[in-house]
C-alpha atoms as a PDB file:
ATOM      1  CA  MET A   1      -5.618  70.396  -3.677  1.00  0.00           C
ATOM      2  CA  ALA A   2      -2.592  68.365  -5.253  1.00  0.00           C
ATOM      3  CA  ALA A   3      -2.071  64.849  -3.928  1.00  0.00           C
ATOM      4  CA  ASP A   4       0.997  64.414  -1.646  1.00  0.00           C
ATOM      5  CA  PHE A   5       3.037  61.083  -2.104  1.00  0.00           C
ATOM      6  CA  SER A   6       5.966  61.950   0.417  1.00  0.00           C
ATOM      7  CA  GLY A   7       7.541  58.917   1.641  1.00  0.00           C
ATOM      8  CA  LYS A   8       5.618  56.464  -0.655  1.00  0.00           C
ATOM      9  CA  THR A   9       7.473  54.176  -3.115  1.00  0.00           C
ATOM     10  CA  ALA A  10       6.064  53.792  -6.505  1.00  0.00           C
ATOM     11  CA  ILE A  11       6.958  51.665  -9.518  1.00  0.00           C
ATOM     12  CA  VAL A  12       5.994  52.819 -12.997  1.00  0.00           C
ATOM     13  CA  THR A  13       6.555  50.322 -15.779  1.00  0.00           C
ATOM     14  CA  GLY A  14       7.138  51.752 -19.403  1.00  0.00           C
ATOM     15  CA  SER A  15       8.411  54.884 -17.984  1.00  0.00           C
ATOM     16  CA  GLY A  16      11.273  55.789 -20.500  1.00  0.00           C
ATOM     17  CA  THR A  17       8.858  57.856 -22.675  1.00  0.00           C
ATOM     18  CA  GLY A  18       5.379  59.042 -23.195  1.00  0.00           C
ATOM     19  CA  ILE A  19       2.665  58.439 -20.604  1.00  0.00           C
ATOM     20  CA  GLY A  20       5.019  56.315 -18.318  1.00  0.00           C
ATOM     21  CA  ALA A  21       7.601  59.235 -18.094  1.00  0.00           C
ATOM     22  CA  ALA A  22       4.931  61.992 -17.361  1.00  0.00           C
ATOM     23  CA  ILE A  23       3.572  59.766 -14.531  1.00  0.00           C
ATOM     24  CA  ALA A  24       7.024  59.175 -13.149  1.00  0.00           C
ATOM     25  CA  ARG A  25       7.699  62.868 -13.142  1.00  0.00           C
ATOM     26  CA  ARG A  26       4.424  63.948 -11.649  1.00  0.00           C
ATOM     27  CA  LEU A  27       4.878  61.113  -8.704  1.00  0.00           C
ATOM     28  CA  ALA A  28       8.530  62.272  -8.026  1.00  0.00           C
ATOM     29  CA  ALA A  29       7.126  66.038  -7.921  1.00  0.00           C
ATOM     30  CA  ALA A  30       4.565  65.150  -5.386  1.00  0.00           C
ATOM     31  CA  GLY A  31       7.389  63.478  -3.241  1.00  0.00           C
ATOM     32  CA  ALA A  32       7.239  59.905  -4.084  1.00  0.00           C
ATOM     33  CA  ASN A  33      10.172  57.540  -4.310  1.00  0.00           C
ATOM     34  CA  VAL A  34       9.923  56.437  -8.077  1.00  0.00           C
ATOM     35  CA  THR A  35      11.318  53.267  -9.541  1.00  0.00           C
ATOM     36  CA  LEU A  36      11.476  53.795 -13.380  1.00  0.00           C
ATOM     37  CA  ALA A  37      11.201  50.461 -15.149  1.00  0.00           C
ATOM     38  CA  ASP A  38      11.613  49.825 -18.798  1.00  0.00           C
ATOM     39  CA  LYS A  39      12.899  47.395 -21.272  1.00  0.00           C
ATOM     40  CA  ASP A  40      14.744  50.147 -22.788  1.00  0.00           C
ATOM     41  CA  GLU A  41      16.937  51.001 -19.658  1.00  0.00           C
ATOM     42  CA  PRO A  42      18.799  53.911 -21.311  1.00  0.00           C
ATOM     43  CA  SER A  43      15.524  55.741 -21.693  1.00  0.00           C
ATOM     44  CA  ALA A  44      14.482  54.976 -18.176  1.00  0.00           C
ATOM     45  CA  GLN A  45      17.912  56.331 -17.119  1.00  0.00           C
ATOM     46  CA  ALA A  46      17.325  59.527 -18.747  1.00  0.00           C
ATOM     47  CA  VAL A  47      14.133  60.300 -17.337  1.00  0.00           C
ATOM     48  CA  CYS A  48      15.454  59.237 -13.948  1.00  0.00           C
ATOM     49  CA  ALA A  49      18.323  61.675 -14.346  1.00  0.00           C
ATOM     50  CA  GLU A  50      15.766  64.517 -15.145  1.00  0.00           C
ATOM     51  CA  ILE A  51      13.899  63.689 -12.085  1.00  0.00           C
ATOM     52  CA  ILE A  52      16.957  63.819  -9.740  1.00  0.00           C
ATOM     53  CA  ALA A  53      18.185  66.859 -11.374  1.00  0.00           C
ATOM     54  CA  ALA A  54      14.856  68.596 -10.448  1.00  0.00           C
ATOM     55  CA  GLY A  55      15.417  67.406  -6.721  1.00  0.00           C
ATOM     56  CA  GLY A  56      13.211  64.225  -6.892  1.00  0.00           C
ATOM     57  CA  ARG A  57      14.238  60.734  -5.680  1.00  0.00           C
ATOM     58  CA  ALA A  58      14.159  58.277  -8.336  1.00  0.00           C
ATOM     59  CA  ALA A  59      16.131  55.002  -9.830  1.00  0.00           C
ATOM     60  CA  ALA A  60      15.884  53.073 -13.044  1.00  0.00           C
ATOM     61  CA  CYS A  61      16.106  49.612 -13.789  1.00  0.00           C
ATOM     62  CA  LYS A  62      15.731  47.326 -16.935  1.00  0.00           C
ATOM     63  CA  VAL A  63      12.737  45.070 -17.042  1.00  0.00           C
ATOM     64  CA  ASP A  64      10.914  42.838 -19.488  1.00  0.00           C
ATOM     65  CA  ILE A  65       7.447  42.468 -17.773  1.00  0.00           C
ATOM     66  CA  CYS A  66       6.949  39.125 -19.469  1.00  0.00           C
ATOM     67  CA  VAL A  67       9.686  37.578 -17.865  1.00  0.00           C
ATOM     68  CA  PRO A  68       8.906  36.425 -14.130  1.00  0.00           C
ATOM     69  CA  ALA A  69      12.285  36.472 -12.721  1.00  0.00           C
ATOM     70  CA  GLN A  70      12.879  40.129 -14.324  1.00  0.00           C
ATOM     71  CA  VAL A  71       9.464  41.148 -12.743  1.00  0.00           C
ATOM     72  CA  GLN A  72      10.492  39.771  -9.195  1.00  0.00           C
ATOM     73  CA  ALA A  73      14.005  41.378  -9.770  1.00  0.00           C
ATOM     74  CA  MET A  74      12.306  44.842 -10.279  1.00  0.00           C
ATOM     75  CA  ILE A  75      10.111  44.417  -7.160  1.00  0.00           C
ATOM     76  CA  GLY A  76      13.433  43.713  -5.328  1.00  0.00           C
ATOM     77  CA  PHE A  77      15.348  46.633  -6.896  1.00  0.00           C
ATOM     78  CA  ALA A  78      12.441  49.050  -5.581  1.00  0.00           C
ATOM     79  CA  ARG A  79      12.469  47.683  -2.292  1.00  0.00           C
ATOM     80  CA  GLY A  80      15.981  47.780  -1.785  1.00  0.00           C
ATOM     81  CA  ARG A  81      16.379  51.436  -2.743  1.00  0.00           C
ATOM     82  CA  PHE A  82      13.367  52.817  -1.228  1.00  0.00           C
ATOM     83  CA  GLY A  83      11.420  50.222   0.456  1.00  0.00           C
ATOM     84  CA  PRO A  84       8.167  48.164  -0.553  1.00  0.00           C
ATOM     85  CA  ALA A  85       6.185  49.908  -3.147  1.00  0.00           C
ATOM     86  CA  GLN A  86       2.716  50.899  -2.125  1.00  0.00           C
ATOM     87  CA  ILE A  87       1.937  52.069  -5.707  1.00  0.00           C
ATOM     88  CA  MET A  88       2.184  49.971  -8.794  1.00  0.00           C
ATOM     89  CA  ILE A  89       1.491  51.655 -12.157  1.00  0.00           C
ATOM     90  CA  ASN A  90       1.179  49.082 -14.796  1.00  0.00           C
ATOM     91  CA  ASN A  91       1.734  51.407 -17.842  1.00  0.00           C
ATOM     92  CA  ALA A  92       4.198  49.292 -20.229  1.00  0.00           C
ATOM     93  CA  GLY A  93       2.270  47.670 -23.039  1.00  0.00           C
ATOM     94  CA  LEU A  94       2.519  46.989 -26.689  1.00  0.00           C
ATOM     95  CA  GLY A  95       0.430  48.320 -29.784  1.00  0.00           C
ATOM     96  CA  SER A  96      -0.681  46.746 -32.936  1.00  0.00           C
ATOM     97  CA  GLN A  97      -2.380  47.875 -36.146  1.00  0.00           C
ATOM     98  CA  GLN A  98      -3.667  45.063 -38.481  1.00  0.00           C
ATOM     99  CA  ARG A  99      -6.840  44.323 -39.977  1.00  0.00           C
ATOM    100  CA  PHE A 100      -8.571  41.211 -38.608  1.00  0.00           C
ATOM    101  CA  LEU A 101      -7.991  38.987 -41.685  1.00  0.00           C
ATOM    102  CA  GLU A 102      -4.387  40.168 -41.803  1.00  0.00           C
ATOM    103  CA  THR A 103      -3.655  39.587 -37.950  1.00  0.00           C
ATOM    104  CA  THR A 104      -1.356  36.775 -37.263  1.00  0.00           C
ATOM    105  CA  LEU A 105      -1.497  34.261 -34.584  1.00  0.00           C
ATOM    106  CA  GLU A 106       2.036  35.554 -33.602  1.00  0.00           C
ATOM    107  CA  THR A 107       0.820  39.096 -33.236  1.00  0.00           C
ATOM    108  CA  LEU A 108      -2.115  37.926 -31.088  1.00  0.00           C
ATOM    109  CA  ARG A 109       0.139  36.054 -28.772  1.00  0.00           C
ATOM    110  CA  THR A 110       2.515  38.974 -28.431  1.00  0.00           C
ATOM    111  CA  MET A 111      -0.326  41.303 -27.535  1.00  0.00           C
ATOM    112  CA  LEU A 112      -1.536  38.987 -24.982  1.00  0.00           C
ATOM    113  CA  GLU A 113       1.711  38.202 -23.609  1.00  0.00           C
ATOM    114  CA  VAL A 114       2.840  41.861 -22.994  1.00  0.00           C
ATOM    115  CA  ASN A 115      -0.332  43.427 -22.152  1.00  0.00           C
ATOM    116  CA  VAL A 116      -2.101  40.762 -20.224  1.00  0.00           C
ATOM    117  CA  ILE A 117       0.439  38.485 -18.746  1.00  0.00           C
ATOM    118  CA  GLY A 118       2.902  41.370 -18.316  1.00  0.00           C
ATOM    119  CA  THR A 119       0.273  43.455 -16.332  1.00  0.00           C
ATOM    120  CA  PHE A 120      -0.613  40.299 -14.419  1.00  0.00           C
ATOM    121  CA  LEU A 121       2.974  39.382 -13.265  1.00  0.00           C
ATOM    122  CA  CYS A 122       3.736  42.978 -12.205  1.00  0.00           C
ATOM    123  CA  ALA A 123       0.390  43.451 -10.149  1.00  0.00           C
ATOM    124  CA  GLN A 124       0.767  39.976  -8.761  1.00  0.00           C
ATOM    125  CA  ALA A 125       4.181  40.640  -7.552  1.00  0.00           C
ATOM    126  CA  ALA A 126       3.592  44.406  -6.235  1.00  0.00           C
ATOM    127  CA  ALA A 127       0.449  42.996  -4.438  1.00  0.00           C
ATOM    128  CA  ARG A 128       2.433  40.444  -2.458  1.00  0.00           C
ATOM    129  CA  ASP A 129       4.475  43.176  -1.001  1.00  0.00           C
ATOM    130  CA  MET A 130       1.491  45.494  -0.441  1.00  0.00           C
ATOM    131  CA  ILE A 131      -0.167  42.827   1.542  1.00  0.00           C
ATOM    132  CA  GLU A 132       2.564  42.821   3.914  1.00  0.00           C
ATOM    133  CA  LEU A 133       2.300  46.602   4.100  1.00  0.00           C
ATOM    134  CA  GLY A 134      -1.416  46.429   4.798  1.00  0.00           C
ATOM    135  CA  GLY A 135      -2.408  48.243   1.676  1.00  0.00           C
ATOM    136  CA  GLY A 136      -1.627  49.872  -1.639  1.00  0.00           C
ATOM    137  CA  ARG A 137      -2.755  51.006  -5.081  1.00  0.00           C
ATOM    138  CA  ILE A 138      -2.436  49.233  -8.160  1.00  0.00           C
ATOM    139  CA  VAL A 139      -3.305  51.241 -11.467  1.00  0.00           C
ATOM    140  CA  ASN A 140      -3.383  49.074 -14.733  1.00  0.00           C
ATOM    141  CA  PHE A 141      -3.561  50.442 -18.207  1.00  0.00           C
ATOM    142  CA  SER A 142      -6.156  49.437 -20.537  1.00  0.00           C
ATOM    143  CA  SER A 143      -7.460  51.538 -23.788  1.00  0.00           C
ATOM    144  CA  HIS A 144     -10.393  52.771 -25.577  1.00  0.00           C
ATOM    145  CA  SER A 145      -9.642  49.693 -27.822  1.00  0.00           C
ATOM    146  CA  GLY A 146     -10.749  47.432 -24.980  1.00  0.00           C
ATOM    147  CA  LEU A 147     -14.092  49.083 -25.048  1.00  0.00           C
ATOM    148  CA  LEU A 148     -14.940  49.716 -28.609  1.00  0.00           C
ATOM    149  CA  GLY A 149     -14.475  48.122 -32.024  1.00  0.00           C
ATOM    150  CA  SER A 150     -11.717  50.376 -33.537  1.00  0.00           C
ATOM    151  CA  SER A 151     -10.648  49.103 -36.827  1.00  0.00           C
ATOM    152  CA  GLY A 152      -7.310  47.254 -37.088  1.00  0.00           C
ATOM    153  CA  ARG A 153      -7.533  46.426 -33.369  1.00  0.00           C
ATOM    154  CA  THR A 154      -8.299  42.746 -33.042  1.00  0.00           C
ATOM    155  CA  ALA A 155      -5.319  41.589 -31.289  1.00  0.00           C
ATOM    156  CA  TYR A 156      -4.824  44.882 -29.330  1.00  0.00           C
ATOM    157  CA  ALA A 157      -8.457  45.086 -28.324  1.00  0.00           C
ATOM    158  CA  ALA A 158      -8.405  41.514 -27.052  1.00  0.00           C
ATOM    159  CA  SER A 159      -5.436  42.299 -24.802  1.00  0.00           C
ATOM    160  CA  LYS A 160      -6.910  45.644 -23.451  1.00  0.00           C
ATOM    161  CA  GLY A 161     -10.162  44.154 -22.843  1.00  0.00           C
ATOM    162  CA  GLY A 162      -8.598  41.447 -20.993  1.00  0.00           C
ATOM    163  CA  VAL A 163      -6.895  44.167 -18.703  1.00  0.00           C
ATOM    164  CA  ILE A 164     -10.270  45.577 -17.742  1.00  0.00           C
ATOM    165  CA  ALA A 165     -11.765  42.109 -16.898  1.00  0.00           C
ATOM    166  CA  MET A 166      -8.568  41.250 -14.946  1.00  0.00           C
ATOM    167  CA  THR A 167      -8.567  44.597 -13.122  1.00  0.00           C
ATOM    168  CA  ARG A 168     -12.245  43.831 -11.860  1.00  0.00           C
ATOM    169  CA  VAL A 169     -11.190  40.531 -10.499  1.00  0.00           C
ATOM    170  CA  MET A 170      -7.903  41.758  -8.823  1.00  0.00           C
ATOM    171  CA  ALA A 171      -9.973  44.594  -7.248  1.00  0.00           C
ATOM    172  CA  VAL A 172     -12.513  42.190  -5.721  1.00  0.00           C
ATOM    173  CA  GLU A 173      -9.853  39.718  -4.416  1.00  0.00           C
ATOM    174  CA  LEU A 174      -7.371  42.136  -3.010  1.00  0.00           C
ATOM    175  CA  ALA A 175      -9.852  44.542  -1.372  1.00  0.00           C
ATOM    176  CA  PRO A 176      -9.709  42.742   1.864  1.00  0.00           C
ATOM    177  CA  HIS A 177      -6.173  43.583   2.076  1.00  0.00           C
ATOM    178  CA  GLY A 178      -6.635  47.308   1.610  1.00  0.00           C
ATOM    179  CA  ILE A 179      -5.364  47.411  -1.874  1.00  0.00           C
ATOM    180  CA  THR A 180      -7.478  49.182  -4.734  1.00  0.00           C
ATOM    181  CA  VAL A 181      -7.089  48.241  -8.416  1.00  0.00           C
ATOM    182  CA  ASN A 182      -8.380  50.342 -11.144  1.00  0.00           C
ATOM    183  CA  ALA A 183      -7.802  51.143 -14.685  1.00  0.00           C
ATOM    184  CA  VAL A 184      -6.864  53.959 -16.972  1.00  0.00           C
ATOM    185  CA  ALA A 185      -8.049  53.627 -20.653  1.00  0.00           C
ATOM    186  CA  PRO A 186      -6.564  56.458 -22.826  1.00  0.00           C
ATOM    187  CA  GLY A 187      -7.901  57.478 -26.101  1.00  0.00           C
ATOM    188  CA  PRO A 188      -5.518  58.939 -28.766  1.00  0.00           C
ATOM    189  CA  ILE A 189      -2.609  60.505 -26.971  1.00  0.00           C
ATOM    190  CA  ASP A 190       0.251  62.365 -28.496  1.00  0.00           C
ATOM    191  CA  VAL A 191       3.214  59.932 -27.806  1.00  0.00           C
ATOM    192  CA  PRO A 192       5.965  58.612 -30.000  1.00  0.00           C
ATOM    193  CA  ARG A 193       4.011  55.429 -30.494  1.00  0.00           C
ATOM    194  CA  SER A 194       1.090  57.075 -31.926  1.00  0.00           C
ATOM    195  CA  ARG A 195       2.867  59.279 -34.145  1.00  0.00           C
ATOM    196  CA  ALA A 196       4.717  56.480 -35.740  1.00  0.00           C
ATOM    197  CA  GLN A 197       1.463  54.280 -36.242  1.00  0.00           C
ATOM    198  CA  HIS A 198      -1.002  56.727 -37.320  1.00  0.00           C
ATOM    199  CA  ASN A 199      -1.027  57.858 -40.662  1.00  0.00           C
ATOM    200  CA  ALA A 200      -2.776  61.051 -41.985  1.00  0.00           C
ATOM    201  CA  GLU A 201      -6.126  59.385 -42.492  1.00  0.00           C
ATOM    202  CA  ARG A 202      -6.105  57.936 -38.969  1.00  0.00           C
ATOM    203  CA  CYS A 203      -5.142  61.260 -37.476  1.00  0.00           C
ATOM    204  CA  ASP A 204      -8.007  62.971 -39.386  1.00  0.00           C
ATOM    205  CA  ALA A 205     -10.486  60.498 -38.147  1.00  0.00           C
ATOM    206  CA  TRP A 206      -9.520  60.742 -34.419  1.00  0.00           C
ATOM    207  CA  HIS A 207      -9.775  64.797 -34.845  1.00  0.00           C
ATOM    208  CA  ARG A 208     -13.430  64.115 -36.208  1.00  0.00           C
ATOM    209  CA  ALA A 209     -14.326  61.487 -33.700  1.00  0.00           C
ATOM    210  CA  VAL A 210     -13.117  62.853 -30.440  1.00  0.00           C
ATOM    211  CA  PRO A 211     -15.494  65.645 -29.075  1.00  0.00           C
ATOM    212  CA  LEU A 212     -12.613  67.838 -27.898  1.00  0.00           C
ATOM    213  CA  GLY A 213     -11.233  67.618 -31.398  1.00  0.00           C
ATOM    214  CA  ARG A 214      -7.567  66.872 -30.591  1.00  0.00           C
ATOM    215  CA  TYR A 215      -5.219  64.123 -29.259  1.00  0.00           C
ATOM    216  CA  GLY A 216      -4.533  64.171 -25.308  1.00  0.00           C
ATOM    217  CA  GLU A 217      -1.259  64.842 -23.771  1.00  0.00           C
ATOM    218  CA  PRO A 218       0.724  62.441 -21.574  1.00  0.00           C
ATOM    219  CA  GLU A 219       0.356  64.854 -18.757  1.00  0.00           C
ATOM    220  CA  GLU A 220      -3.418  64.610 -18.906  1.00  0.00           C
ATOM    221  CA  VAL A 221      -3.428  60.688 -18.625  1.00  0.00           C
ATOM    222  CA  ALA A 222      -0.862  60.987 -15.918  1.00  0.00           C
ATOM    223  CA  ALA A 223      -3.157  63.265 -13.703  1.00  0.00           C
ATOM    224  CA  ALA A 224      -5.850  60.346 -13.846  1.00  0.00           C
ATOM    225  CA  ALA A 225      -3.359  57.808 -12.852  1.00  0.00           C
ATOM    226  CA  LEU A 226      -2.042  59.976  -9.886  1.00  0.00           C
ATOM    227  CA  PHE A 227      -5.606  60.367  -8.709  1.00  0.00           C
ATOM    228  CA  LEU A 228      -6.183  56.789  -8.580  1.00  0.00           C
ATOM    229  CA  ALA A 229      -2.959  56.095  -6.754  1.00  0.00           C
ATOM    230  CA  SER A 230      -3.899  58.967  -4.331  1.00  0.00           C
ATOM    231  CA  ASP A 231      -5.600  58.676  -0.823  1.00  0.00           C
ATOM    232  CA  ASP A 232      -8.495  60.756  -2.539  1.00  0.00           C
ATOM    233  CA  ALA A 233      -9.455  57.576  -4.531  1.00  0.00           C
ATOM    234  CA  SER A 234      -9.508  55.333  -1.462  1.00  0.00           C
ATOM    235  CA  TYR A 235     -13.142  54.410  -2.182  1.00  0.00           C
ATOM    236  CA  ILE A 236     -12.670  53.779  -5.863  1.00  0.00           C
ATOM    237  CA  ASN A 237     -12.011  50.167  -6.498  1.00  0.00           C
ATOM    238  CA  GLY A 238     -12.493  48.026  -9.836  1.00  0.00           C
ATOM    239  CA  GLN A 239     -13.237  51.001 -11.899  1.00  0.00           C
ATOM    240  CA  LYS A 240     -12.097  52.103 -15.464  1.00  0.00           C
ATOM    241  CA  ILE A 241     -11.466  55.673 -16.054  1.00  0.00           C
ATOM    242  CA  SER A 242     -11.414  56.669 -19.665  1.00  0.00           C
ATOM    243  CA  VAL A 243      -9.229  59.523 -20.683  1.00  0.00           C
ATOM    244  CA  ASP A 244     -10.108  60.154 -24.232  1.00  0.00           C
ATOM    245  CA  GLY A 245     -11.613  63.712 -24.785  1.00  0.00           C
ATOM    246  CA  GLY A 246     -15.199  62.071 -24.721  1.00  0.00           C
ATOM    247  CA  PHE A 247     -14.445  59.557 -27.483  1.00  0.00           C
ATOM    248  CA  THR A 248     -16.243  56.507 -25.821  1.00  0.00           C
ATOM    249  CA  ALA A 249     -19.107  58.779 -24.713  1.00  0.00           C
ATOM    250  CA  ALA A 250     -19.909  60.153 -28.010  1.00  0.00           C
ATOM    251  CA  GLY A 251     -22.826  58.975 -30.308  1.00  0.00           C
ATOM    252  CA  LEU A 252     -24.035  60.489 -33.651  1.00  0.00           C
ATOM    253  CA  ARG A 253     -22.872  64.046 -33.766  1.00  0.00           C
ATOM    254  CA  VAL A 254     -24.169  66.401 -36.601  1.00  0.00           C
ATOM    255  CA  LYS A 255     -23.677  70.280 -36.997  1.00  0.00           C
ATOM    256  CA  ASN A 256     -27.345  70.943 -38.106  1.00  0.00           C
ATOM    257  CA  ILE A 257     -30.024  69.084 -36.048  1.00  0.00           C
END
């Protein structure tokens, strides 16, 4: 049975494209009032217009998740339009592809600032409203890179591993308030960022490494996020769900045993 989010307010960061846009569309289709927040406001507005044209309820706002005042403004914007958010999807993030010895301190700091501090600020601000409501759902976004040592991922992996650790602590501390906190860890997903960053060699390596033999689709990741945000996941807390075609589960694979 499809989850029903009728009457619920949700905020989705990084919702102007890719996975975030897919999540926003699915939440709206399931009845939620969706605030699309993105640093690229025109992109968020475009997705918002699609949702409204399809009969959904949505509004878009600009936010830099690294700036506390802008995060607070985002929370206030959603509250003013639809009421306090019961669902916070922390999808916004930044990627990096550099060898360890070539990774600059600036790159590391940027990954931590956006992926860790940005997630922290949004989750904390949303949780304060959820406490007043008596409960809520927070879904953070990590990555397979936070679990395994993929080449070229030093800075990115540090940040995404931090998201998983932070998710567990949030889950423990917010549970008494009826708030669950979980994380989604996507593998290779066919989104604009991966198309821009993955060269032919990396694409071929992914197709060989993923047991399902393909990149995932944004809608497949969105489905996992919606499950964690739904009432069906009411007893799931502090967990990480990998949406990666079996990549993090795979060991040695040979055709002829």
